[in-house]
Amino acid sequence: MTQTALILGASGRFGRAAAKAFEQAGWQVERFRRGQDNLTQACAGVDVIVNGWNPLYPDWAAQVPRLHRQVIQAAEVAGATIILPGNVYVFGPTTPAPWSQHSAHAAQNSLGRIRIEMEAAYRASSARVILLRAGDFLDTEASGNWFDAMITAKLSKGKFVYPGRWDIPHAWAYLPDVARAAVELAEKRADLPRFLDVPYTGYTLSGQELLAALNANLSRPARLSEMSWLPLQLARPFWPLGRCLLEMRYLWNTPHSLNGDLFHELLPRFQATPLAQALPHCLPQELLVSQPGAVRQDAMA
């Protein structure tokens, strides 16, 4: 019997990747149309609701509680399982790493507190929820995230612009892998607890390690350049998004990684894409040595 997944936010990065992964796994995929569809009606009869809704940072306080409350209520009525993409915003700069499902949600900044309250609402509900937590995404399409909008935006000029300490570990995740993991967890949902917080390890890389991995694929090697936060600080009084980005700066100066013990216990056969194979698919093709998968011989020496 064909299973059905309803994708909320199908045009966003996680929703797009999840829709593709569920379709490739043989699921029937329906895409919710905001402004046209009724959420409760759209959720009726579906097996899984993938909640890819993610407003812009400045709109979180006004929109996040309401949107997620609506999803919870619709899922409770439908009896569907919610797949919820989680991030590391709930953890504070003093939370010991690696971060796991047992780590304290100790963020004190406003965006972190909104995420903490949002996750608490899911945990307190009667809906079935699989929260799949990952670090910053490595996406196969330019989607305005840190990797494509800042770090690799000037690779054509030979610059790798890093927004924090480049000698400490940082959590990354290849988006197609996270989406595949969501499908595999969804297919095990009947055997899982009602609420499940699953950290996905992904790649733990310092800025230096990420640069080295990139240079193995680039036709023109890039050099490390430190991002200046001064423009954001100057724009802070009149640019709400800039204030939000500054608020999350601590994650680039806090060594962190995600503990994947639970993930591997649940999905012991899951094969993540090796970093060397994933990165070429996350870069403009004109910057690469050749096709994805090829590497510079001098970089391997």
Protein backbone atom coordinates (compact mmCIF):
# COMPACT_ATOMS: atom_id res chain seq x y z
CA MET A 1 0.00 0.00 0.00
CA THR A 2 1.37 3.39 -1.03
CA GLN A 3 2.20 5.74 1.81
CA THR A 4 1.53 9.47 1.57
CA ALA A 5 3.67 12.37 2.73
CA LEU A 6 2.40 15.95 2.84
CA ILE A 7 5.18 18.49 2.42
CA LEU A 8 4.79 21.88 4.08
CA GLY A 9 7.20 24.41 2.62
CA ALA A 10 7.99 22.37 -0.47
CA SER A 11 9.76 25.33 -2.09
CA GLY A 12 12.15 25.71 0.85
CA ARG A 13 15.44 23.88 1.15
CA PHE A 14 14.36 21.08 3.50
CA GLY A 15 10.89 20.69 1.97
CA ARG A 16 12.34 20.48 -1.54
CA ALA A 17 14.90 17.85 -0.58
CA ALA A 18 12.37 15.86 1.46
CA ALA A 19 9.83 15.82 -1.37
CA LYS A 20 12.46 14.41 -3.72
CA ALA A 21 13.62 11.80 -1.21
CA PHE A 22 10.10 10.58 -0.41
CA GLU A 23 9.24 10.37 -4.12
CA GLN A 24 12.40 8.41 -4.85
CA ALA A 25 11.47 6.00 -2.04
CA GLY A 26 8.11 5.31 -3.69
CA TRP A 27 5.88 7.46 -1.50
CA GLN A 28 3.00 9.51 -2.82
CA VAL A 29 3.98 13.12 -2.21
CA GLU A 30 1.54 15.99 -1.85
CA ARG A 31 2.70 19.60 -1.64
CA PHE A 32 0.74 22.00 0.53
CA ARG A 33 -0.13 25.32 -1.15
CA ARG A 34 -0.24 28.11 1.41
CA GLY A 35 -3.04 30.55 0.73
CA GLN A 36 -4.98 27.94 -1.20
CA ASP A 37 -5.20 24.73 0.83
CA ASN A 38 -6.82 24.11 4.20
CA LEU A 39 -4.25 22.51 6.49
CA THR A 40 -6.63 20.25 8.41
CA GLN A 41 -8.21 19.02 5.20
CA ALA A 42 -4.84 18.55 3.49
CA CYS A 43 -3.57 16.44 6.40
CA ALA A 44 -6.58 14.11 6.39
CA GLY A 45 -5.53 10.63 5.34
CA VAL A 46 -1.79 11.31 5.04
CA ASP A 47 0.75 9.17 6.86
CA VAL A 48 3.48 11.74 7.38
CA ILE A 49 3.57 15.54 7.52
CA VAL A 50 6.98 17.00 6.69
CA ASN A 51 7.08 20.42 8.31
CA GLY A 52 9.47 22.43 6.21
CA TRP A 53 7.93 25.80 7.05
CA ASN A 54 10.63 28.23 8.12
CA PRO A 55 9.84 31.97 8.12
CA LEU A 56 12.59 34.55 7.83
CA TYR A 57 14.44 35.18 11.09
CA PRO A 58 12.79 38.55 11.81
CA ASP A 59 9.37 36.90 11.51
CA TRP A 60 10.04 34.03 13.90
CA ALA A 61 8.55 35.62 17.01
CA ALA A 62 5.30 36.48 15.25
CA GLN A 63 4.91 33.40 13.05
CA VAL A 64 6.72 30.35 14.44
CA PRO A 65 4.45 29.63 17.46
CA ARG A 66 1.28 30.03 15.39
CA LEU A 67 2.45 27.98 12.39
CA HIS A 68 3.69 25.08 14.48
CA ARG A 69 0.61 25.11 16.68
CA GLN A 70 -1.48 24.69 13.53
CA VAL A 71 0.67 21.76 12.38
CA ILE A 72 0.41 20.05 15.76
CA GLN A 73 -3.36 20.41 15.82
CA ALA A 74 -3.76 19.12 12.26
CA ALA A 75 -1.50 16.13 12.94
CA GLU A 76 -3.37 15.26 16.12
CA VAL A 77 -6.67 15.23 14.21
CA ALA A 78 -5.23 13.23 11.29
CA GLY A 79 -3.20 10.81 13.39
CA ALA A 80 -0.22 11.53 11.14
CA THR A 81 3.46 11.54 12.13
CA ILE A 82 5.28 14.86 11.87
CA ILE A 83 8.81 14.98 10.50
CA LEU A 84 10.38 18.09 11.99
CA PRO A 85 13.82 19.33 10.90
CA GLY A 86 15.74 20.44 13.97
CA ASN A 87 18.88 22.55 14.25
CA VAL A 88 21.49 23.38 16.89
CA TYR A 89 19.99 26.71 17.91
CA VAL A 90 18.58 25.27 21.13
CA PHE A 91 22.06 24.69 22.55
CA GLY A 92 23.93 27.47 24.28
CA PRO A 93 27.63 28.35 24.06
CA THR A 94 28.34 26.64 27.40
CA THR A 95 26.54 23.37 26.56
CA PRO A 96 29.18 20.61 26.52
CA ALA A 97 29.70 18.96 23.13
CA PRO A 98 28.99 16.66 21.44
CA TRP A 99 25.36 17.71 21.55
CA SER A 100 22.84 14.90 21.83
CA GLN A 101 19.17 14.27 22.57
CA HIS A 102 20.13 14.51 26.26
CA SER A 103 21.93 17.88 26.06
CA ALA A 104 20.35 20.81 27.85
CA HIS A 105 18.46 23.32 25.74
CA ALA A 106 20.28 26.27 27.21
CA ALA A 107 20.27 28.93 24.49
CA GLN A 108 19.56 32.39 25.89
CA ASN A 109 19.25 34.42 22.69
CA SER A 110 15.79 35.16 21.30
CA LEU A 111 15.95 32.88 18.24
CA GLY A 112 17.24 30.02 20.36
CA ARG A 113 14.48 30.52 22.92
CA ILE A 114 11.85 30.49 20.18
CA ARG A 115 13.18 27.15 18.95
CA ILE A 116 13.26 25.78 22.51
CA GLU A 117 9.62 26.75 23.08
CA MET A 118 8.63 25.39 19.67
CA GLU A 119 10.21 22.00 20.33
CA ALA A 120 8.66 21.92 23.80
CA ALA A 121 5.22 22.39 22.23
CA TYR A 122 5.75 19.32 20.05
CA ARG A 123 7.02 17.32 22.99
CA ALA A 124 4.00 18.27 25.10
CA SER A 125 1.46 17.47 22.38
CA SER A 126 -0.18 14.14 21.63
CA ALA A 127 1.07 14.17 18.03
CA ARG A 128 3.64 11.65 16.87
CA VAL A 129 6.85 13.54 16.12
CA ILE A 130 10.26 12.66 14.71
CA LEU A 131 12.63 15.59 15.19
CA LEU A 132 15.69 15.07 13.01
CA ARG A 133 18.41 17.47 14.18
CA ALA A 134 21.30 18.48 11.97
CA GLY A 135 23.96 21.15 11.68
CA ASP A 136 24.30 23.70 8.87
CA PHE A 137 23.20 22.34 5.51
CA LEU A 138 25.39 21.69 2.51
CA ASP A 139 22.76 22.11 -0.21
CA THR A 140 22.83 21.05 -3.84
CA GLU A 141 21.14 24.31 -4.83
CA ALA A 142 21.93 27.87 -3.83
CA SER A 143 19.36 28.51 -1.12
CA GLY A 144 20.70 31.47 0.82
CA ASN A 145 22.32 29.49 3.61
CA TRP A 146 25.71 30.20 5.19
CA PHE A 147 27.56 27.84 2.87
CA ASP A 148 26.46 29.29 -0.46
CA ALA A 149 25.58 32.87 0.54
CA MET A 150 28.76 33.64 2.45
CA ILE A 151 31.42 30.95 2.76
CA THR A 152 31.67 29.93 -0.90
CA ALA A 153 30.20 33.06 -2.52
CA LYS A 154 33.64 34.38 -3.53
CA LEU A 155 35.33 31.14 -4.55
CA SER A 156 35.54 32.43 -8.13
CA LYS A 157 37.82 35.16 -6.74
CA GLY A 158 39.89 32.65 -4.80
CA LYS A 159 38.35 33.53 -1.42
CA PHE A 160 36.88 31.18 1.18
CA VAL A 161 35.11 33.55 3.59
CA TYR A 162 34.65 32.03 7.03
CA PRO A 163 32.40 33.72 9.64
CA GLY A 164 34.14 32.59 12.81
CA ARG A 165 37.04 30.65 14.30
CA TRP A 166 38.38 28.38 11.59
CA ASP A 167 40.31 26.11 13.98
CA ILE A 168 37.31 24.65 15.84
CA PRO A 169 34.80 21.92 14.88
CA HIS A 170 31.45 22.89 13.38
CA ALA A 171 28.49 20.63 12.53
CA TRP A 172 27.51 20.27 8.86
CA ALA A 173 25.06 18.00 7.06
CA TYR A 174 24.58 17.12 3.39
CA LEU A 175 20.93 17.95 2.77
CA PRO A 176 20.11 14.99 0.49
CA ASP A 177 21.42 12.65 3.20
CA VAL A 178 19.27 14.32 5.87
CA ALA A 179 16.24 13.98 3.60
CA ARG A 180 16.97 10.27 3.00
CA ALA A 181 17.32 9.78 6.74
CA ALA A 182 13.92 11.42 7.25
CA VAL A 183 12.36 8.90 4.88
CA GLU A 184 13.99 5.93 6.60
CA LEU A 185 12.87 7.14 10.02
CA ALA A 186 9.36 7.74 8.68
CA GLU A 187 9.22 4.16 7.47
CA LYS A 188 10.07 2.97 11.01
CA ARG A 189 7.61 5.30 12.71
CA ALA A 190 5.34 2.54 14.03
CA ASP A 191 8.22 1.21 16.14
CA LEU A 192 9.37 4.58 17.49
CA PRO A 193 8.39 6.52 20.62
CA ARG A 194 5.67 9.14 20.24
CA PHE A 195 8.27 11.94 20.39
CA LEU A 196 11.77 11.25 19.17
CA ASP A 197 14.72 13.67 19.08
CA VAL A 198 17.35 12.22 16.73
CA PRO A 199 20.66 14.07 16.20
CA TYR A 200 22.29 13.42 12.82
CA THR A 201 26.09 13.55 12.99
CA GLY A 202 26.80 14.63 9.42
CA TYR A 203 30.29 16.06 9.04
CA THR A 204 32.25 17.66 11.88
CA LEU A 205 34.72 20.05 10.26
CA SER A 206 36.80 23.02 11.20
CA GLY A 207 36.96 25.86 8.71
CA GLN A 208 40.46 24.72 7.75
CA GLU A 209 39.25 21.18 7.09
CA LEU A 210 36.31 22.40 5.03
CA LEU A 211 38.62 24.57 2.93
CA ALA A 212 41.00 21.67 2.31
CA ALA A 213 38.10 19.47 1.21
CA LEU A 214 36.85 22.19 -1.14
CA ASN A 215 40.27 22.83 -2.63
CA ALA A 216 40.54 19.17 -3.56
CA ASN A 217 37.78 19.83 -6.10
CA LEU A 218 38.38 23.42 -7.21
CA SER A 219 40.19 24.27 -10.43
CA ARG A 220 41.49 27.38 -8.64
CA PRO A 221 42.33 26.77 -4.97
CA ALA A 222 40.89 29.29 -2.55
CA ARG A 223 42.50 30.99 0.42
CA LEU A 224 41.03 31.47 3.86
CA SER A 225 39.55 34.90 4.49
CA GLU A 226 37.93 36.03 7.73
CA MET A 227 34.44 37.42 7.39
CA SER A 228 33.98 40.93 8.75
CA TRP A 229 30.97 41.33 11.01
CA LEU A 230 31.32 45.12 11.06
CA PRO A 231 28.81 45.77 8.24
CA LEU A 232 26.19 43.78 10.14
CA GLN A 233 26.95 45.66 13.34
CA LEU A 234 26.61 49.00 11.57
CA ALA A 235 23.35 47.92 9.91
CA ARG A 236 21.93 46.41 13.09
CA PRO A 237 19.82 49.41 14.16
CA PHE A 238 17.77 49.43 10.95
CA TRP A 239 18.16 45.92 9.47
CA PRO A 240 16.24 43.26 11.44
CA LEU A 241 17.86 40.34 9.61
CA GLY A 242 21.30 41.70 10.45
CA ARG A 243 20.40 41.73 14.14
CA CYS A 244 19.32 38.10 13.90
CA LEU A 245 22.51 37.02 12.14
CA LEU A 246 24.59 38.71 14.83
CA GLU A 247 22.54 36.90 17.45
CA MET A 248 23.63 33.54 16.01
CA ARG A 249 27.30 34.48 15.70
CA TYR A 250 28.22 32.44 18.78
CA LEU A 251 27.73 29.19 16.85
CA TRP A 252 30.73 30.07 14.67
CA ASN A 253 32.92 30.57 17.74
CA THR A 254 31.64 27.63 19.79
CA PRO A 255 33.24 24.22 19.12
CA HIS A 256 30.43 21.74 18.55
CA SER A 257 29.39 18.48 16.98
CA LEU A 258 26.35 16.20 17.12
CA ASN A 259 26.32 12.79 18.78
CA GLY A 260 24.93 10.23 16.32
CA ASP A 261 24.73 7.19 18.61
CA LEU A 262 20.93 7.12 18.62
CA PHE A 263 20.75 7.69 14.87
CA HIS A 264 23.06 4.76 14.15
CA GLU A 265 21.15 2.60 16.61
CA LEU A 266 17.92 3.32 14.74
CA LEU A 267 19.37 3.18 11.21
CA PRO A 268 22.47 0.97 11.43
CA ARG A 269 22.62 0.43 7.65
CA PHE A 270 22.33 4.09 6.68
CA GLN A 271 25.18 5.09 4.35
CA ALA A 272 26.04 8.77 4.42
CA THR A 273 27.58 10.32 1.33
CA PRO A 274 31.35 10.79 1.80
CA LEU A 275 32.29 14.45 2.01
CA ALA A 276 34.52 14.22 -1.06
CA GLN A 277 31.55 13.04 -3.11
CA ALA A 278 29.03 15.47 -1.61
CA LEU A 279 30.92 18.76 -1.92
CA PRO A 280 31.16 18.90 -5.75
CA HIS A 281 27.36 18.77 -5.91
CA CYS A 282 27.18 21.83 -3.66
CA LEU A 283 29.32 24.09 -5.84
CA PRO A 284 28.91 25.85 -9.20
CA GLN A 285 30.11 23.41 -11.84
CA GLU A 286 32.31 26.00 -13.53
CA LEU A 287 34.53 26.14 -10.42
CA LEU A 288 35.30 22.42 -10.38
CA VAL A 289 38.31 20.60 -11.79
CA SER A 290 35.92 18.53 -13.91
CA GLN A 291 32.75 16.60 -13.14
CA PRO A 292 31.60 15.84 -9.58
CA GLY A 293 33.78 13.16 -8.07
CA ALA A 294 37.04 14.30 -9.68
CA VAL A 295 39.76 15.67 -7.42
CA ARG A 296 42.90 17.72 -7.92
CA GLN A 297 45.97 15.53 -8.02
CA ASP A 298 48.10 18.18 -6.31
CA ALA A 299 45.55 18.42 -3.52
CA MET A 300 45.93 14.71 -2.84
CA ALA A 301 49.73 14.85 -2.71
